[in-house]
PDB file of N, CA and C in Angstrom:
ATOM      1  N   GLN A   1       4.076 -21.540  14.756  1.00  0.00           N
ATOM      2  CA  GLN A   1       5.508 -21.440  14.815  1.00  0.00           C
ATOM      3  C   GLN A   1       5.989 -20.286  13.931  1.00  0.00           C
ATOM      4  N   VAL A   2       7.225 -19.891  14.156  1.00  0.00           N
ATOM      5  CA  VAL A   2       7.781 -18.782  13.398  1.00  0.00           C
ATOM      6  C   VAL A   2       8.052 -19.240  11.968  1.00  0.00           C
ATOM      7  N   GLN A   3       7.609 -18.415  11.031  1.00  0.00           N
ATOM      8  CA  GLN A   3       7.891 -18.664   9.619  1.00  0.00           C
ATOM      9  C   GLN A   3       8.401 -17.399   8.977  1.00  0.00           C
ATOM     10  N   LEU A   4       9.448 -17.536   8.190  1.00  0.00           N
ATOM     11  CA  LEU A   4      10.006 -16.435   7.410  1.00  0.00           C
ATOM     12  C   LEU A   4      10.028 -16.886   5.959  1.00  0.00           C
ATOM     13  N   VAL A   5       9.441 -16.090   5.083  1.00  0.00           N
ATOM     14  CA  VAL A   5       9.372 -16.451   3.672  1.00  0.00           C
ATOM     15  C   VAL A   5       9.970 -15.336   2.838  1.00  0.00           C
ATOM     16  N   GLU A   6      11.108 -15.641   2.211  1.00  0.00           N
ATOM     17  CA  GLU A   6      11.766 -14.670   1.347  1.00  0.00           C
ATOM     18  C   GLU A   6      11.220 -14.760  -0.072  1.00  0.00           C
ATOM     19  N   SER A   7      11.249 -13.639  -0.754  1.00  0.00           N
ATOM     20  CA  SER A   7      10.844 -13.604  -2.157  1.00  0.00           C
ATOM     21  C   SER A   7      11.574 -12.454  -2.844  1.00  0.00           C
ATOM     22  N   GLY A   8      11.506 -12.457  -4.176  1.00  0.00           N
ATOM     23  CA  GLY A   8      12.072 -11.355  -4.936  1.00  0.00           C
ATOM     24  C   GLY A   8      13.402 -11.655  -5.599  1.00  0.00           C
ATOM     25  N   GLY A   9      13.951 -12.822  -5.361  1.00  0.00           N
ATOM     26  CA  GLY A   9      15.206 -13.170  -6.001  1.00  0.00           C
ATOM     27  C   GLY A   9      15.015 -13.422  -7.483  1.00  0.00           C
ATOM     28  N   GLY A  10      16.135 -13.581  -8.180  1.00  0.00           N
ATOM     29  CA  GLY A  10      16.062 -13.846  -9.607  1.00  0.00           C
ATOM     30  C   GLY A  10      17.383 -13.609 -10.284  1.00  0.00           C
ATOM     31  N   LEU A  11      17.324 -13.543 -11.598  1.00  0.00           N
ATOM     32  CA  LEU A  11      18.510 -13.319 -12.428  1.00  0.00           C
ATOM     33  C   LEU A  11      18.509 -11.865 -12.893  1.00  0.00           C
ATOM     34  N   VAL A  12      19.630 -11.206 -12.716  1.00  0.00           N
ATOM     35  CA  VAL A  12      19.750  -9.802 -13.103  1.00  0.00           C
ATOM     36  C   VAL A  12      21.144  -9.569 -13.665  1.00  0.00           C
ATOM     37  N   GLN A  13      21.253  -8.621 -14.566  1.00  0.00           N
ATOM     38  CA  GLN A  13      22.564  -8.276 -15.110  1.00  0.00           C
ATOM     39  C   GLN A  13      23.342  -7.405 -14.128  1.00  0.00           C
ATOM     40  N   ALA A  14      24.640  -7.440 -14.244  1.00  0.00           N
ATOM     41  CA  ALA A  14      25.486  -6.587 -13.413  1.00  0.00           C
ATOM     42  C   ALA A  14      25.068  -5.132 -13.586  1.00  0.00           C
ATOM     43  N   GLY A  15      25.019  -4.425 -12.467  1.00  0.00           N
ATOM     44  CA  GLY A  15      24.566  -3.043 -12.474  1.00  0.00           C
ATOM     45  C   GLY A  15      23.083  -2.881 -12.224  1.00  0.00           C
ATOM     46  N   GLY A  16      22.362  -3.978 -12.263  1.00  0.00           N
ATOM     47  CA  GLY A  16      20.921  -3.937 -12.058  1.00  0.00           C
ATOM     48  C   GLY A  16      20.528  -3.931 -10.594  1.00  0.00           C
ATOM     49  N   SER A  17      19.220  -4.012 -10.372  1.00  0.00           N
ATOM     50  CA  SER A  17      18.674  -3.936  -9.013  1.00  0.00           C
ATOM     51  C   SER A  17      17.665  -5.050  -8.774  1.00  0.00           C
ATOM     52  N   LEU A  18      17.538  -5.418  -7.529  1.00  0.00           N
ATOM     53  CA  LEU A  18      16.499  -6.340  -7.076  1.00  0.00           C
ATOM     54  C   LEU A  18      16.033  -5.888  -5.700  1.00  0.00           C
ATOM     55  N   ARG A  19      14.793  -6.197  -5.393  1.00  0.00           N
ATOM     56  CA  ARG A  19      14.264  -5.933  -4.062  1.00  0.00           C
ATOM     57  C   ARG A  19      13.767  -7.241  -3.479  1.00  0.00           C
ATOM     58  N   LEU A  20      14.395  -7.661  -2.402  1.00  0.00           N
ATOM     59  CA  LEU A  20      13.971  -8.864  -1.711  1.00  0.00           C
ATOM     60  C   LEU A  20      12.994  -8.503  -0.595  1.00  0.00           C
ATOM     61  N   SER A  21      12.063  -9.391  -0.355  1.00  0.00           N
ATOM     62  CA  SER A  21      11.115  -9.238   0.746  1.00  0.00           C
ATOM     63  C   SER A  21      11.190 -10.460   1.638  1.00  0.00           C
ATOM     64  N   CYS A  22      10.900 -10.264   2.896  1.00  0.00           N
ATOM     65  CA  CYS A  22      10.834 -11.366   3.852  1.00  0.00           C
ATOM     66  C   CYS A  22       9.601 -11.147   4.710  1.00  0.00           C
ATOM     67  N   ALA A  23       8.622 -12.016   4.533  1.00  0.00           N
ATOM     68  CA  ALA A  23       7.371 -11.929   5.285  1.00  0.00           C
ATOM     69  C   ALA A  23       7.443 -12.855   6.490  1.00  0.00           C
ATOM     70  N   ALA A  24       7.166 -12.306   7.656  1.00  0.00           N
ATOM     71  CA  ALA A  24       7.275 -13.065   8.895  1.00  0.00           C
ATOM     72  C   ALA A  24       5.899 -13.349   9.485  1.00  0.00           C
ATOM     73  N   SER A  25       5.790 -14.477  10.142  1.00  0.00           N
ATOM     74  CA  SER A  25       4.574 -14.823  10.869  1.00  0.00           C
ATOM     75  C   SER A  25       4.953 -15.657  12.083  1.00  0.00           C
ATOM     76  N   GLY A  26       4.029 -15.724  13.052  1.00  0.00           N
ATOM     77  CA  GLY A  26       4.253 -16.534  14.237  1.00  0.00           C
ATOM     78  C   GLY A  26       5.077 -15.871  15.315  1.00  0.00           C
ATOM     79  N   LEU A  27       5.303 -14.565  15.187  1.00  0.00           N
ATOM     80  CA  LEU A  27       6.042 -13.833  16.209  1.00  0.00           C
ATOM     81  C   LEU A  27       5.568 -12.394  16.209  1.00  0.00           C
ATOM     82  N   THR A  28       5.871 -11.679  17.299  1.00  0.00           N
ATOM     83  CA  THR A  28       5.543 -10.259  17.370  1.00  0.00           C
ATOM     84  C   THR A  28       6.649  -9.516  16.629  1.00  0.00           C
ATOM     85  N   PHE A  29       6.453  -9.396  15.337  1.00  0.00           N
ATOM     86  CA  PHE A  29       7.501  -8.933  14.429  1.00  0.00           C
ATOM     87  C   PHE A  29       8.080  -7.592  14.859  1.00  0.00           C
ATOM     88  N   SER A  30       7.224  -6.696  15.308  1.00  0.00           N
ATOM     89  CA  SER A  30       7.666  -5.329  15.594  1.00  0.00           C
ATOM     90  C   SER A  30       8.596  -5.226  16.793  1.00  0.00           C
ATOM     91  N   THR A  31       8.821  -6.327  17.497  1.00  0.00           N
ATOM     92  CA  THR A  31       9.706  -6.296  18.669  1.00  0.00           C
ATOM     93  C   THR A  31      11.069  -6.923  18.414  1.00  0.00           C
ATOM     94  N   TYR A  32      11.313  -7.378  17.196  1.00  0.00           N
ATOM     95  CA  TYR A  32      12.558  -8.071  16.881  1.00  0.00           C
ATOM     96  C   TYR A  32      13.375  -7.347  15.825  1.00  0.00           C
ATOM     97  N   ALA A  33      14.688  -7.367  16.019  1.00  0.00           N
ATOM     98  CA  ALA A  33      15.585  -6.967  14.948  1.00  0.00           C
ATOM     99  C   ALA A  33      15.583  -8.060  13.883  1.00  0.00           C
ATOM    100  N   MET A  34      15.873  -7.640  12.669  1.00  0.00           N
ATOM    101  CA  MET A  34      15.900  -8.576  11.544  1.00  0.00           C
ATOM    102  C   MET A  34      17.203  -8.406  10.775  1.00  0.00           C
ATOM    103  N   GLY A  35      17.627  -9.485  10.168  1.00  0.00           N
ATOM    104  CA  GLY A  35      18.859  -9.409   9.410  1.00  0.00           C
ATOM    105  C   GLY A  35      18.761 -10.164   8.101  1.00  0.00           C
ATOM    106  N   TRP A  36      19.696  -9.834   7.197  1.00  0.00           N
ATOM    107  CA  TRP A  36      19.858 -10.573   5.952  1.00  0.00           C
ATOM    108  C   TRP A  36      21.284 -11.131   5.914  1.00  0.00           C
ATOM    109  N   PHE A  37      21.374 -12.379   5.524  1.00  0.00           N
ATOM    110  CA  PHE A  37      22.644 -13.051   5.297  1.00  0.00           C
ATOM    111  C   PHE A  37      22.641 -13.585   3.873  1.00  0.00           C
ATOM    112  N   ARG A  38      23.804 -14.011   3.411  1.00  0.00           N
ATOM    113  CA  ARG A  38      23.864 -14.648   2.104  1.00  0.00           C
ATOM    114  C   ARG A  38      24.908 -15.758   2.127  1.00  0.00           C
ATOM    115  N   GLN A  39      24.704 -16.704   1.233  1.00  0.00           N
ATOM    116  CA  GLN A  39      25.641 -17.815   1.129  1.00  0.00           C
ATOM    117  C   GLN A  39      25.857 -18.159  -0.335  1.00  0.00           C
ATOM    118  N   ALA A  40      27.092 -18.015  -0.768  1.00  0.00           N
ATOM    119  CA  ALA A  40      27.470 -18.373  -2.135  1.00  0.00           C
ATOM    120  C   ALA A  40      27.955 -19.815  -2.149  1.00  0.00           C
ATOM    121  N   PRO A  41      27.914 -20.471  -3.292  1.00  0.00           N
ATOM    122  CA  PRO A  41      28.361 -21.870  -3.378  1.00  0.00           C
ATOM    123  C   PRO A  41      29.786 -22.031  -2.874  1.00  0.00           C
ATOM    124  N   GLY A  42      29.965 -22.984  -1.971  1.00  0.00           N
ATOM    125  CA  GLY A  42      31.290 -23.267  -1.460  1.00  0.00           C
ATOM    126  C   GLY A  42      31.794 -22.302  -0.419  1.00  0.00           C
ATOM    127  N   LYS A  43      30.955 -21.357  -0.019  1.00  0.00           N
ATOM    128  CA  LYS A  43      31.366 -20.361   0.972  1.00  0.00           C
ATOM    129  C   LYS A  43      30.463 -20.426   2.195  1.00  0.00           C
ATOM    130  N   GLU A  44      30.947 -19.848   3.282  1.00  0.00           N
ATOM    131  CA  GLU A  44      30.148 -19.788   4.494  1.00  0.00           C
ATOM    132  C   GLU A  44      29.081 -18.700   4.374  1.00  0.00           C
ATOM    133  N   ARG A  45      28.029 -18.877   5.174  1.00  0.00           N
ATOM    134  CA  ARG A  45      26.995 -17.854   5.223  1.00  0.00           C
ATOM    135  C   ARG A  45      27.588 -16.592   5.846  1.00  0.00           C
ATOM    136  N   GLU A  46      27.314 -15.437   5.243  1.00  0.00           N
ATOM    137  CA  GLU A  46      27.892 -14.198   5.723  1.00  0.00           C
ATOM    138  C   GLU A  46      26.832 -13.124   5.943  1.00  0.00           C
ATOM    139  N   PHE A  47      27.117 -12.277   6.909  1.00  0.00           N
ATOM    140  CA  PHE A  47      26.223 -11.177   7.253  1.00  0.00           C
ATOM    141  C   PHE A  47      26.197 -10.147   6.128  1.00  0.00           C
ATOM    142  N   VAL A  48      24.985  -9.649   5.839  1.00  0.00           N
ATOM    143  CA  VAL A  48      24.818  -8.602   4.842  1.00  0.00           C
ATOM    144  C   VAL A  48      24.375  -7.299   5.507  1.00  0.00           C
ATOM    145  N   THR A  49      23.254  -7.349   6.229  1.00  0.00           N
ATOM    146  CA  THR A  49      22.718  -6.146   6.848  1.00  0.00           C
ATOM    147  C   THR A  49      21.698  -6.526   7.907  1.00  0.00           C
ATOM    148  N   ALA A  50      21.412  -5.601   8.811  1.00  0.00           N
ATOM    149  CA  ALA A  50      20.412  -5.821   9.844  1.00  0.00           C
ATOM    150  C   ALA A  50      19.736  -4.510  10.196  1.00  0.00           C
ATOM    151  N   ILE A  51      18.552  -4.631  10.772  1.00  0.00           N
ATOM    152  CA  ILE A  51      17.763  -3.460  11.132  1.00  0.00           C
ATOM    153  C   ILE A  51      17.119  -3.699  12.485  1.00  0.00           C
ATOM    154  N   SER A  52      17.052  -2.643  13.294  1.00  0.00           N
ATOM    155  CA  SER A  52      16.450  -2.761  14.616  1.00  0.00           C
ATOM    156  C   SER A  52      14.939  -2.893  14.507  1.00  0.00           C
ATOM    157  N   TRP A  53      14.293  -3.204  15.638  1.00  0.00           N
ATOM    158  CA  TRP A  53      12.844  -3.397  15.634  1.00  0.00           C
ATOM    159  C   TRP A  53      12.122  -2.136  15.166  1.00  0.00           C
ATOM    160  N   SER A  54      12.681  -0.970  15.480  1.00  0.00           N
ATOM    161  CA  SER A  54      12.033   0.295  15.127  1.00  0.00           C
ATOM    162  C   SER A  54      12.405   0.769  13.731  1.00  0.00           C
ATOM    163  N   GLY A  55      13.472   0.201  13.185  1.00  0.00           N
ATOM    164  CA  GLY A  55      13.968   0.673  11.899  1.00  0.00           C
ATOM    165  C   GLY A  55      14.948   1.817  12.005  1.00  0.00           C
ATOM    166  N   ARG A  56      15.202   2.290  13.224  1.00  0.00           N
ATOM    167  CA  ARG A  56      16.052   3.484  13.381  1.00  0.00           C
ATOM    168  C   ARG A  56      17.542   3.158  13.367  1.00  0.00           C
ATOM    169  N   SER A  57      17.877   1.899  13.566  1.00  0.00           N
ATOM    170  CA  SER A  57      19.280   1.508  13.593  1.00  0.00           C
ATOM    171  C   SER A  57      19.526   0.415  12.561  1.00  0.00           C
ATOM    172  N   THR A  58      20.609   0.569  11.820  1.00  0.00           N
ATOM    173  CA  THR A  58      20.959  -0.428  10.814  1.00  0.00           C
ATOM    174  C   THR A  58      22.470  -0.686  10.835  1.00  0.00           C
ATOM    175  N   LYS A  59      22.837  -1.847  10.306  1.00  0.00           N
ATOM    176  CA  LYS A  59      24.252  -2.178  10.109  1.00  0.00           C
ATOM    177  C   LYS A  59      24.403  -2.804   8.736  1.00  0.00           C
ATOM    178  N   PHE A  60      25.565  -2.582   8.138  1.00  0.00           N
ATOM    179  CA  PHE A  60      25.826  -3.124   6.818  1.00  0.00           C
ATOM    180  C   PHE A  60      27.230  -3.720   6.774  1.00  0.00           C
ATOM    181  N   ALA A  61      27.363  -4.804   6.029  1.00  0.00           N
ATOM    182  CA  ALA A  61      28.692  -5.305   5.722  1.00  0.00           C
ATOM    183  C   ALA A  61      29.375  -4.307   4.799  1.00  0.00           C
ATOM    184  N   ASP A  62      30.684  -4.223   4.908  1.00  0.00           N
ATOM    185  CA  ASP A  62      31.419  -3.243   4.097  1.00  0.00           C
ATOM    186  C   ASP A  62      31.187  -3.439   2.604  1.00  0.00           C
ATOM    187  N   PHE A  63      31.031  -4.678   2.192  1.00  0.00           N
ATOM    188  CA  PHE A  63      30.939  -4.944   0.753  1.00  0.00           C
ATOM    189  C   PHE A  63      29.600  -4.517   0.142  1.00  0.00           C
ATOM    190  N   VAL A  64      28.635  -4.096   0.969  1.00  0.00           N
ATOM    191  CA  VAL A  64      27.356  -3.634   0.408  1.00  0.00           C
ATOM    192  C   VAL A  64      27.047  -2.182   0.736  1.00  0.00           C
ATOM    193  N   LYS A  65      27.901  -1.551   1.504  1.00  0.00           N
ATOM    194  CA  LYS A  65      27.635  -0.163   1.880  1.00  0.00           C
ATOM    195  C   LYS A  65      27.530   0.719   0.651  1.00  0.00           C
ATOM    196  N   GLY A  66      26.477   1.524   0.637  1.00  0.00           N
ATOM    197  CA  GLY A  66      26.246   2.420  -0.484  1.00  0.00           C
ATOM    198  C   GLY A  66      25.491   1.784  -1.632  1.00  0.00           C
ATOM    199  N   ARG A  67      25.320   0.465  -1.601  1.00  0.00           N
ATOM    200  CA  ARG A  67      24.598  -0.215  -2.686  1.00  0.00           C
ATOM    201  C   ARG A  67      23.291  -0.827  -2.200  1.00  0.00           C
ATOM    202  N   PHE A  68      23.285  -1.354  -0.999  1.00  0.00           N
ATOM    203  CA  PHE A  68      22.097  -2.025  -0.452  1.00  0.00           C
ATOM    204  C   PHE A  68      21.479  -1.177   0.643  1.00  0.00           C
ATOM    205  N   THR A  69      20.168  -1.240   0.756  1.00  0.00           N
ATOM    206  CA  THR A  69      19.470  -0.642   1.887  1.00  0.00           C
ATOM    207  C   THR A  69      18.496  -1.652   2.471  1.00  0.00           C
ATOM    208  N   ILE A  70      18.262  -1.536   3.762  1.00  0.00           N
ATOM    209  CA  ILE A  70      17.315  -2.405   4.452  1.00  0.00           C
ATOM    210  C   ILE A  70      16.219  -1.536   5.047  1.00  0.00           C
ATOM    211  N   SER A  71      15.008  -2.043   5.006  1.00  0.00           N
ATOM    212  CA  SER A  71      13.887  -1.326   5.590  1.00  0.00           C
ATOM    213  C   SER A  71      12.872  -2.346   6.085  1.00  0.00           C
ATOM    214  N   ARG A  72      11.908  -1.865   6.828  1.00  0.00           N
ATOM    215  CA  ARG A  72      10.876  -2.774   7.335  1.00  0.00           C
ATOM    216  C   ARG A  72       9.558  -2.042   7.431  1.00  0.00           C
ATOM    217  N   ASP A  73       8.505  -2.839   7.345  1.00  0.00           N
ATOM    218  CA  ASP A  73       7.143  -2.342   7.519  1.00  0.00           C
ATOM    219  C   ASP A  73       6.508  -3.212   8.592  1.00  0.00           C
ATOM    220  N   ASN A  74       6.461  -2.709   9.802  1.00  0.00           N
ATOM    221  CA  ASN A  74       5.948  -3.519  10.903  1.00  0.00           C
ATOM    222  C   ASN A  74       4.448  -3.795  10.778  1.00  0.00           C
ATOM    223  N   ALA A  75       3.747  -2.950  10.065  1.00  0.00           N
ATOM    224  CA  ALA A  75       2.319  -3.199   9.859  1.00  0.00           C
ATOM    225  C   ALA A  75       2.100  -4.391   8.941  1.00  0.00           C
ATOM    226  N   LYS A  76       3.084  -4.672   8.089  1.00  0.00           N
ATOM    227  CA  LYS A  76       2.978  -5.793   7.152  1.00  0.00           C
ATOM    228  C   LYS A  76       3.846  -6.975   7.558  1.00  0.00           C
ATOM    229  N   ASN A  77       4.512  -6.870   8.712  1.00  0.00           N
ATOM    230  CA  ASN A  77       5.406  -7.949   9.174  1.00  0.00           C
ATOM    231  C   ASN A  77       6.424  -8.332   8.101  1.00  0.00           C
ATOM    232  N   THR A  78       6.996  -7.334   7.461  1.00  0.00           N
ATOM    233  CA  THR A  78       7.879  -7.590   6.338  1.00  0.00           C
ATOM    234  C   THR A  78       9.141  -6.733   6.439  1.00  0.00           C
ATOM    235  N   VAL A  79      10.261  -7.350   6.090  1.00  0.00           N
ATOM    236  CA  VAL A  79      11.527  -6.637   5.983  1.00  0.00           C
ATOM    237  C   VAL A  79      11.988  -6.733   4.532  1.00  0.00           C
ATOM    238  N   TYR A  80      12.628  -5.671   4.064  1.00  0.00           N
ATOM    239  CA  TYR A  80      13.019  -5.574   2.666  1.00  0.00           C
ATOM    240  C   TYR A  80      14.531  -5.389   2.543  1.00  0.00           C
ATOM    241  N   LEU A  81      15.052  -5.857   1.428  1.00  0.00           N
ATOM    242  CA  LEU A  81      16.443  -5.612   1.087  1.00  0.00           C
ATOM    243  C   LEU A  81      16.468  -5.083  -0.344  1.00  0.00           C
ATOM    244  N   GLN A  82      16.773  -3.802  -0.474  1.00  0.00           N
ATOM    245  CA  GLN A  82      16.909  -3.194  -1.793  1.00  0.00           C
ATOM    246  C   GLN A  82      18.364  -3.286  -2.202  1.00  0.00           C
ATOM    247  N   MET A  83      18.598  -3.933  -3.329  1.00  0.00           N
ATOM    248  CA  MET A  83      19.963  -4.162  -3.802  1.00  0.00           C
ATOM    249  C   MET A  83      20.160  -3.447  -5.132  1.00  0.00           C
ATOM    250  N   ASN A  84      21.053  -2.490  -5.137  1.00  0.00           N
ATOM    251  CA  ASN A  84      21.363  -1.723  -6.345  1.00  0.00           C
ATOM    252  C   ASN A  84      22.808  -1.965  -6.762  1.00  0.00           C
ATOM    253  N   SER A  85      23.113  -1.600  -7.989  1.00  0.00           N
ATOM    254  CA  SER A  85      24.487  -1.744  -8.503  1.00  0.00           C
ATOM    255  C   SER A  85      25.024  -3.142  -8.240  1.00  0.00           C
ATOM    256  N   LEU A  86      24.231  -4.120  -8.567  1.00  0.00           N
ATOM    257  CA  LEU A  86      24.610  -5.501  -8.278  1.00  0.00           C
ATOM    258  C   LEU A  86      25.829  -5.936  -9.082  1.00  0.00           C
ATOM    259  N   LYS A  87      26.623  -6.796  -8.446  1.00  0.00           N
ATOM    260  CA  LYS A  87      27.855  -7.310  -9.043  1.00  0.00           C
ATOM    261  C   LYS A  87      27.766  -8.834  -9.120  1.00  0.00           C
ATOM    262  N   PRO A  88      28.508  -9.441 -10.022  1.00  0.00           N
ATOM    263  CA  PRO A  88      28.484 -10.916 -10.082  1.00  0.00           C
ATOM    264  C   PRO A  88      28.833 -11.565  -8.748  1.00  0.00           C
ATOM    265  N   GLU A  89      29.683 -10.940  -7.967  1.00  0.00           N
ATOM    266  CA  GLU A  89      30.053 -11.509  -6.668  1.00  0.00           C
ATOM    267  C   GLU A  89      28.937 -11.417  -5.630  1.00  0.00           C
ATOM    268  N   ASP A  90      27.846 -10.744  -5.964  1.00  0.00           N
ATOM    269  CA  ASP A  90      26.675 -10.743  -5.078  1.00  0.00           C
ATOM    270  C   ASP A  90      25.814 -11.989  -5.279  1.00  0.00           C
ATOM    271  N   THR A  91      26.160 -12.806  -6.243  1.00  0.00           N
ATOM    272  CA  THR A  91      25.416 -14.029  -6.495  1.00  0.00           C
ATOM    273  C   THR A  91      25.473 -14.942  -5.270  1.00  0.00           C
ATOM    274  N   ALA A  92      24.301 -15.311  -4.773  1.00  0.00           N
ATOM    275  CA  ALA A  92      24.210 -16.124  -3.556  1.00  0.00           C
ATOM    276  C   ALA A  92      22.748 -16.418  -3.265  1.00  0.00           C
ATOM    277  N   VAL A  93      22.537 -17.300  -2.308  1.00  0.00           N
ATOM    278  CA  VAL A  93      21.210 -17.451  -1.720  1.00  0.00           C
ATOM    279  C   VAL A  93      21.128 -16.465  -0.555  1.00  0.00           C
ATOM    280  N   TYR A  94      20.073 -15.684  -0.540  1.00  0.00           N
ATOM    281  CA  TYR A  94      19.891 -14.662   0.487  1.00  0.00           C
ATOM    282  C   TYR A  94      18.836 -15.132   1.482  1.00  0.00           C
ATOM    283  N   TYR A  95      19.185 -15.019   2.764  1.00  0.00           N
ATOM    284  CA  TYR A  95      18.330 -15.463   3.846  1.00  0.00           C
ATOM    285  C   TYR A  95      17.982 -14.303   4.770  1.00  0.00           C
ATOM    286  N   CYS A  96      16.750 -14.273   5.230  1.00  0.00           N
ATOM    287  CA  CYS A  96      16.418 -13.354   6.313  1.00  0.00           C
ATOM    288  C   CYS A  96      16.336 -14.143   7.618  1.00  0.00           C
ATOM    289  N   ALA A  97      16.514 -13.429   8.721  1.00  0.00           N
ATOM    290  CA  ALA A  97      16.567 -14.093  10.017  1.00  0.00           C
ATOM    291  C   ALA A  97      16.156 -13.132  11.119  1.00  0.00           C
ATOM    292  N   VAL A  98      15.761 -13.710  12.248  1.00  0.00           N
ATOM    293  CA  VAL A  98      15.292 -12.967  13.416  1.00  0.00           C
ATOM    294  C   VAL A  98      16.384 -12.931  14.480  1.00  0.00           C
ATOM    295  N   ASN A  99      16.608 -11.759  15.049  1.00  0.00           N
ATOM    296  CA  ASN A  99      17.602 -11.608  16.104  1.00  0.00           C
ATOM    297  C   ASN A  99      16.924 -11.089  17.367  1.00  0.00           C
ATOM    298  N   ARG A 100      16.944 -11.920  18.408  1.00  0.00           N
ATOM    299  CA  ARG A 100      16.316 -11.521  19.674  1.00  0.00           C
ATOM    300  C   ARG A 100      17.111 -10.453  20.411  1.00  0.00           C
ATOM    301  N   PHE A 101      18.387 -10.301  20.059  1.00  0.00           N
ATOM    302  CA  PHE A 101      19.277  -9.479  20.866  1.00  0.00           C
ATOM    303  C   PHE A 101      19.483  -8.076  20.308  1.00  0.00           C
ATOM    304  N   GLY A 102      19.049  -7.842  19.095  1.00  0.00           N
ATOM    305  CA  GLY A 102      19.234  -6.513  18.533  1.00  0.00           C
ATOM    306  C   GLY A 102      19.946  -6.575  17.203  1.00  0.00           C
ATOM    307  N   VAL A 103      20.470  -5.428  16.808  1.00  0.00           N
ATOM    308  CA  VAL A 103      21.113  -5.323  15.499  1.00  0.00           C
ATOM    309  C   VAL A 103      22.523  -5.899  15.610  1.00  0.00           C
ATOM    310  N   GLY A 104      22.711  -7.112  15.132  1.00  0.00           N
ATOM    311  CA  GLY A 104      23.995  -7.768  15.277  1.00  0.00           C
ATOM    312  C   GLY A 104      24.441  -8.414  13.995  1.00  0.00           C
ATOM    313  N   THR A 105      25.727  -8.737  13.954  1.00  0.00           N
ATOM    314  CA  THR A 105      26.305  -9.341  12.763  1.00  0.00           C
ATOM    315  C   THR A 105      26.616 -10.821  12.929  1.00  0.00           C
ATOM    316  N   SER A 106      26.508 -11.321  14.141  1.00  0.00           N
ATOM    317  CA  SER A 106      26.893 -12.704  14.405  1.00  0.00           C
ATOM    318  C   SER A 106      25.788 -13.677  14.052  1.00  0.00           C
ATOM    319  N   TYR A 107      26.144 -14.650  13.257  1.00  0.00           N
ATOM    320  CA  TYR A 107      25.210 -15.707  12.856  1.00  0.00           C
ATOM    321  C   TYR A 107      24.578 -16.380  14.084  1.00  0.00           C
ATOM    322  N   ASP A 108      25.354 -16.529  15.150  1.00  0.00           N
ATOM    323  CA  ASP A 108      24.904 -17.270  16.327  1.00  0.00           C
ATOM    324  C   ASP A 108      23.755 -16.587  17.064  1.00  0.00           C
ATOM    325  N   ASN A 109      23.568 -15.296  16.858  1.00  0.00           N
ATOM    326  CA  ASN A 109      22.524 -14.556  17.575  1.00  0.00           C
ATOM    327  C   ASN A 109      21.196 -14.550  16.849  1.00  0.00           C
ATOM    328  N   TYR A 110      21.134 -15.212  15.718  1.00  0.00           N
ATOM    329  CA  TYR A 110      19.898 -15.255  14.941  1.00  0.00           C
ATOM    330  C   TYR A 110      19.203 -16.592  15.183  1.00  0.00           C
ATOM    331  N   ASP A 111      17.924 -16.514  15.543  1.00  0.00           N
ATOM    332  CA  ASP A 111      17.201 -17.698  15.989  1.00  0.00           C
ATOM    333  C   ASP A 111      16.411 -18.402  14.903  1.00  0.00           C
ATOM    334  N   TYR A 112      15.784 -17.646  14.059  1.00  0.00           N
ATOM    335  CA  TYR A 112      14.904 -18.224  13.051  1.00  0.00           C
ATOM    336  C   TYR A 112      15.355 -17.753  11.672  1.00  0.00           C
ATOM    337  N   TRP A 113      15.234 -18.673  10.718  1.00  0.00           N
ATOM    338  CA  TRP A 113      15.728 -18.413   9.365  1.00  0.00           C
ATOM    339  C   TRP A 113      14.672 -18.780   8.336  1.00  0.00           C
ATOM    340  N   GLY A 114      14.683 -18.027   7.238  1.00  0.00           N
ATOM    341  CA  GLY A 114      13.848 -18.391   6.104  1.00  0.00           C
ATOM    342  C   GLY A 114      14.541 -19.441   5.260  1.00  0.00           C
ATOM    343  N   GLN A 115      13.879 -19.832   4.181  1.00  0.00           N
ATOM    344  CA  GLN A 115      14.417 -20.882   3.315  1.00  0.00           C
ATOM    345  C   GLN A 115      15.392 -20.338   2.284  1.00  0.00           C
ATOM    346  N   GLY A 116      15.415 -19.022   2.139  1.00  0.00           N
ATOM    347  CA  GLY A 116      16.338 -18.392   1.214  1.00  0.00           C
ATOM    348  C   GLY A 116      15.743 -18.144  -0.155  1.00  0.00           C
ATOM    349  N   THR A 117      16.319 -17.161  -0.840  1.00  0.00           N
ATOM    350  CA  THR A 117      15.926 -16.860  -2.215  1.00  0.00           C
ATOM    351  C   THR A 117      17.201 -16.644  -3.024  1.00  0.00           C
ATOM    352  N   GLN A 118      17.231 -17.225  -4.213  1.00  0.00           N
ATOM    353  CA  GLN A 118      18.444 -17.190  -5.036  1.00  0.00           C
ATOM    354  C   GLN A 118      18.538 -15.862  -5.786  1.00  0.00           C
ATOM    355  N   VAL A 119      19.710 -15.257  -5.701  1.00  0.00           N
ATOM    356  CA  VAL A 119      20.030 -14.067  -6.488  1.00  0.00           C
ATOM    357  C   VAL A 119      21.219 -14.412  -7.371  1.00  0.00           C
ATOM    358  N   THR A 120      21.047 -14.231  -8.666  1.00  0.00           N
ATOM    359  CA  THR A 120      22.121 -14.502  -9.613  1.00  0.00           C
ATOM    360  C   THR A 120      22.379 -13.248 -10.434  1.00  0.00           C
ATOM    361  N   VAL A 121      23.627 -12.810 -10.419  1.00  0.00           N
ATOM    362  CA  VAL A 121      24.005 -11.605 -11.158  1.00  0.00           C
ATOM    363  C   VAL A 121      24.949 -12.013 -12.276  1.00  0.00           C
ATOM    364  N   SER A 122      24.531 -11.759 -13.496  1.00  0.00           N
ATOM    365  CA  SER A 122      25.354 -12.126 -14.647  1.00  0.00           C
ATOM    366  C   SER A 122      26.241 -10.958 -15.052  1.00  0.00           C
ATOM    367  N   SER A 123      27.398 -11.302 -15.601  1.00  0.00           N
ATOM    368  CA  SER A 123      28.357 -10.259 -15.992  1.00  0.00           C
ATOM    369  C   SER A 123      28.149  -9.834 -17.430  1.00  0.00           C
TER     370      SER A 123
END
């Protein structure tokens, strides 16, 4: 079955950086778009960024543009989220997910989800 395992979360000071990884198994990873979402306490899960199967197309939420980058290594079945200039409002559980339809922002188009990794940014 499809498994997505996120890692790399932790506690960081404002202005710092973290790199999240999401290792996928049980699917032909190189044929699927991948996305990252996040969910803060008491808030709905929200789109952060997504990348096409080839890596040539990406989308970002406005609140992370210029600070976060997404990349993938299809040989390693892994997608990455590099987060720079972190802010306390970036504190959330970050999830990676698989999108059969391409680079999209809608939660409904994502089929498989990881368990999430906690990112906490202190002020």
